Protein backbone atom coordinates (compact mmCIF):
# COMPACT_ATOMS: atom_id res chain seq x y z
CA MET A 1 2.37 3.35 11.94
CA ARG A 2 -0.31 2.91 9.35
CA TRP A 3 -1.13 -0.50 7.95
CA ILE A 4 -3.22 -1.26 4.89
CA THR A 5 -4.94 -4.33 3.46
CA ARG A 6 -7.81 -5.41 1.26
CA GLU A 7 -11.41 -4.78 2.18
CA ASN A 8 -13.82 -7.71 2.76
CA ILE A 9 -12.21 -8.95 5.91
CA LYS A 10 -11.69 -12.69 6.31
CA VAL A 11 -9.92 -14.74 8.98
CA ASP A 12 -6.32 -13.70 8.32
CA ARG A 13 -7.28 -10.03 7.85
CA VAL A 14 -8.98 -10.06 11.26
CA ALA A 15 -6.19 -11.93 13.02
CA CYS A 16 -3.34 -9.82 11.61
CA PRO A 17 -4.57 -6.45 12.94
CA TRP A 18 -5.07 -8.05 16.37
CA LEU A 19 -1.51 -9.42 16.25
CA ILE A 20 -0.04 -6.13 15.03
CA LYS A 21 -1.89 -4.02 17.60
CA ARG A 22 -1.09 -6.36 20.47
CA PHE A 23 2.52 -7.37 19.74
CA VAL A 24 4.03 -5.17 17.01
CA ASP A 25 2.59 -1.65 17.04
CA ARG A 26 0.22 -0.62 19.85
CA ASP A 27 -0.60 2.66 18.07
CA ALA A 28 -1.34 1.05 14.71
CA ASP A 29 -3.97 2.53 12.42
CA PHE A 30 -5.58 0.26 9.82
CA ILE A 31 -6.91 1.13 6.39
CA PHE A 32 -9.04 -1.23 4.29
CA VAL A 33 -9.33 -0.55 0.55
CA PRO A 34 -10.34 -2.37 -2.64
CA GLU A 35 -7.51 -4.61 -3.75
CA HIS A 36 -6.90 -2.72 -6.99
CA GLU A 37 -6.24 0.46 -4.96
CA LEU A 38 -3.98 -1.14 -2.35
CA LEU A 39 -0.51 -0.33 -3.65
CA ALA A 40 -1.32 3.26 -4.64
CA ALA A 41 -3.08 3.87 -1.33
CA ALA A 42 -0.14 2.34 0.58
CA ARG A 43 2.24 4.79 -1.10
CA ARG A 44 -0.11 7.75 -0.64
CA GLU A 45 -0.78 6.96 3.03
CA ALA A 46 2.78 5.78 3.84
CA ALA A 47 1.17 2.56 5.09
CA THR A 48 2.58 -0.95 5.31
CA PRO A 49 0.55 -3.32 3.12
CA PHE A 50 -0.32 -6.83 4.29
CA ASP A 51 -2.39 -9.86 3.23
CA ALA A 52 -2.86 -9.22 -0.46
CA THR A 53 -2.09 -12.61 -1.95
CA ARG A 54 -2.51 -11.56 -5.59
CA LEU A 55 0.02 -8.73 -5.22
CA PRO A 56 3.59 -10.10 -5.17
CA GLU A 57 4.93 -6.65 -4.20
CA VAL A 58 3.39 -7.06 -0.74
CA LYS A 59 6.02 -8.52 1.60
CA LEU A 60 3.71 -9.43 4.52
CA ASN A 61 1.69 -12.06 2.72
CA HIS A 62 1.01 -15.76 2.52
CA ARG A 63 4.26 -17.67 2.12
CA GLY A 64 3.87 -21.11 0.61
CA ASP A 65 1.25 -22.87 2.72
CA ARG A 66 1.62 -20.36 5.57
CA CYS A 67 -0.71 -17.42 6.17
CA THR A 68 0.08 -13.72 6.62
CA PHE A 69 -0.28 -14.01 10.42
CA GLU A 70 2.65 -16.42 10.34
CA ALA A 71 4.65 -14.09 8.06
CA ILE A 72 4.24 -11.32 10.64
CA LEU A 73 5.40 -13.68 13.39
CA GLU A 74 8.47 -14.48 11.31
CA ASP A 75 9.36 -10.95 10.21
CA PHE A 76 8.87 -9.41 13.64
CA LYS A 77 10.58 -12.33 15.40
CA LEU A 78 7.60 -13.14 17.60
CA THR A 79 8.50 -16.56 19.00
CA ASP A 80 5.87 -16.98 21.71
CA ARG A 81 4.67 -20.60 21.47
CA ALA A 82 1.05 -19.56 21.98
CA LEU A 83 1.30 -17.14 19.05
CA GLU A 84 2.85 -19.86 16.91
CA ARG A 85 -0.06 -22.16 17.80
CA LEU A 86 -2.53 -19.38 17.04
CA GLY A 87 -0.79 -18.91 13.69
CA ARG A 88 -1.45 -22.55 12.81
CA ILE A 89 -5.11 -22.15 13.82
CA VAL A 90 -5.44 -19.05 11.63
CA ARG A 91 -3.75 -20.91 8.76
CA ALA A 92 -6.11 -23.88 9.14
CA ALA A 93 -9.07 -21.51 9.02
CA ASP A 94 -7.80 -19.29 6.22
CA VAL A 95 -5.86 -21.46 3.77
CA LYS A 96 -7.76 -24.13 1.86
CA GLY A 97 -5.95 -27.45 2.13
CA GLN A 98 -4.30 -26.56 5.45
CA GLU A 99 -7.19 -27.58 7.70
CA HIS A 100 -5.10 -30.48 9.05
CA VAL A 101 -2.55 -28.23 10.85
CA ALA A 102 -5.01 -27.31 13.64
CA PRO A 103 -8.41 -28.85 14.35
CA GLU A 104 -9.69 -25.54 15.75
CA GLY A 105 -9.30 -23.94 12.33
CA LEU A 106 -12.58 -25.25 10.96
CA GLY A 107 -14.45 -23.76 13.90
CA LEU A 108 -12.72 -20.42 13.44
CA ARG A 109 -13.54 -20.51 9.73
CA ALA A 110 -17.23 -21.13 10.50
CA ILE A 111 -17.35 -18.31 13.04
CA ALA A 112 -15.63 -15.91 10.63
CA GLU A 113 -18.13 -16.66 7.88
CA TYR A 114 -21.32 -15.21 9.30
CA ASP A 115 -23.56 -17.02 6.83
CA ALA A 116 -22.19 -20.35 8.07
CA LEU A 117 -22.52 -19.24 11.68
CA TYR A 118 -26.09 -18.08 11.05
CA ALA A 119 -26.96 -21.43 9.44
CA TYR A 120 -25.58 -23.21 12.51
CA ALA A 121 -27.52 -20.94 14.87
CA SER A 122 -30.68 -21.46 12.82
CA ARG A 123 -30.39 -25.23 13.12
CA GLN A 124 -29.84 -24.95 16.87
CA ALA A 125 -32.82 -22.61 17.29
CA GLY A 126 -35.04 -25.26 15.71
């Protein structure tokens, strides 16, 4: 299958392809496009769109306070407790105001934002 999402990868858009490739579709191909091209490109490429929060037509998306990773868990009936925990960590990192659901989320957010990670490394390097 082909899967498509927005360019400018952030936490959820890194975690979702990993989840898809590992537990949903081992042969998955991923396409990253500007958001305004997503729906047309999905039709043209016969690709499943995901994580495009400003596009209500996209089914695999944030749902309430939950992130797209968690929507994939739900839709594909992935009930592994470790994946559910990972979903909360991804949500805490990705969704502002959801940091409380997993303390690891802030660390993941910092790692995923290379400027923040570089600032941390710079302080440590002295």
